Amino acid sequence: MFGLGTTELIVIGVIVFLIFGAKRIPEIGKGLGGVQAGQKRNNPGRYRQS
């Protein structure tokens, strides 16, 4: 995944946690999930499951 290892992902997660706080992280995740679902819905050929 973009050449990121476990340590880098943990550091990014901690930074996001410190910036946004525990209450906002689920809201951000829900928003990103909605964007991804919208992209899959609008481009069905690009996101085929094999």
C-alpha atoms as a PDB file:
ATOM      1  CA  MET A   1       0.000   0.000   0.000  1.00  0.00           C
ATOM      2  CA  PHE A   2       2.051   2.940  -1.294  1.00  0.00           C
ATOM      3  CA  GLY A   3       5.194   1.461   0.236  1.00  0.00           C
ATOM      4  CA  LEU A   4       4.092   2.268   3.786  1.00  0.00           C
ATOM      5  CA  GLY A   5       5.022  -0.138   6.528  1.00  0.00           C
ATOM      6  CA  THR A   6       3.275  -0.869   9.794  1.00  0.00           C
ATOM      7  CA  THR A   7       5.325   1.671  11.730  1.00  0.00           C
ATOM      8  CA  GLU A   8       4.518   4.477   9.303  1.00  0.00           C
ATOM      9  CA  LEU A   9       0.801   3.677   9.406  1.00  0.00           C
ATOM     10  CA  ILE A  10       0.837   3.697  13.215  1.00  0.00           C
ATOM     11  CA  VAL A  11       2.604   7.078  13.264  1.00  0.00           C
ATOM     12  CA  ILE A  12       0.076   8.505  10.795  1.00  0.00           C
ATOM     13  CA  GLY A  13      -2.780   7.121  12.912  1.00  0.00           C
ATOM     14  CA  VAL A  14      -1.378   8.707  16.076  1.00  0.00           C
ATOM     15  CA  ILE A  15      -0.957  12.068  14.336  1.00  0.00           C
ATOM     16  CA  VAL A  16      -4.533  11.946  13.028  1.00  0.00           C
ATOM     17  CA  PHE A  17      -5.754  11.024  16.518  1.00  0.00           C
ATOM     18  CA  LEU A  18      -3.898  13.962  18.059  1.00  0.00           C
ATOM     19  CA  ILE A  19      -5.116  16.445  15.458  1.00  0.00           C
ATOM     20  CA  PHE A  20      -8.786  15.473  15.261  1.00  0.00           C
ATOM     21  CA  GLY A  21      -9.436  13.792  18.604  1.00  0.00           C
ATOM     22  CA  ALA A  22     -11.316  10.616  19.407  1.00  0.00           C
ATOM     23  CA  LYS A  23     -14.798  12.046  18.791  1.00  0.00           C
ATOM     24  CA  ARG A  24     -14.190  13.190  15.211  1.00  0.00           C
ATOM     25  CA  ILE A  25     -12.352  10.138  13.859  1.00  0.00           C
ATOM     26  CA  PRO A  26     -15.537   8.018  13.339  1.00  0.00           C
ATOM     27  CA  GLU A  27     -17.168  10.941  11.510  1.00  0.00           C
ATOM     28  CA  ILE A  28     -14.162  11.286   9.212  1.00  0.00           C
ATOM     29  CA  GLY A  29     -14.154   7.528   8.528  1.00  0.00           C
ATOM     30  CA  LYS A  30     -17.853   7.562   7.720  1.00  0.00           C
ATOM     31  CA  GLY A  31     -17.342  10.442   5.309  1.00  0.00           C
ATOM     32  CA  LEU A  32     -14.446   8.726   3.539  1.00  0.00           C
ATOM     33  CA  GLY A  33     -16.454   5.508   3.295  1.00  0.00           C
ATOM     34  CA  GLY A  34     -19.319   7.430   1.715  1.00  0.00           C
ATOM     35  CA  VAL A  35     -16.982   8.928  -0.863  1.00  0.00           C
ATOM     36  CA  GLN A  36     -15.599   5.490  -1.735  1.00  0.00           C
ATOM     37  CA  ALA A  37     -19.098   4.009  -2.024  1.00  0.00           C
ATOM     38  CA  GLY A  38     -20.119   6.864  -4.323  1.00  0.00           C
ATOM     39  CA  GLN A  39     -17.112   6.264  -6.551  1.00  0.00           C
ATOM     40  CA  LYS A  40     -17.901   2.556  -6.782  1.00  0.00           C
ATOM     41  CA  ARG A  41     -21.510   3.336  -7.621  1.00  0.00           C
ATOM     42  CA  ASN A  42     -20.561   5.835 -10.348  1.00  0.00           C
ATOM     43  CA  ASN A  43     -17.784   3.703 -11.900  1.00  0.00           C
ATOM     44  CA  PRO A  44     -18.928   0.072 -11.706  1.00  0.00           C
ATOM     45  CA  GLY A  45     -16.528  -1.192 -14.375  1.00  0.00           C
ATOM     46  CA  ARG A  46     -13.478   0.144 -12.602  1.00  0.00           C
ATOM     47  CA  TYR A  47     -14.190  -1.578  -9.278  1.00  0.00           C
ATOM     48  CA  ARG A  48     -14.939  -5.102 -10.429  1.00  0.00           C
ATOM     49  CA  GLN A  49     -14.512  -7.846  -7.893  1.00  0.00           C
ATOM     50  CA  SER A  50     -12.455 -10.762  -9.139  1.00  0.00           C
END
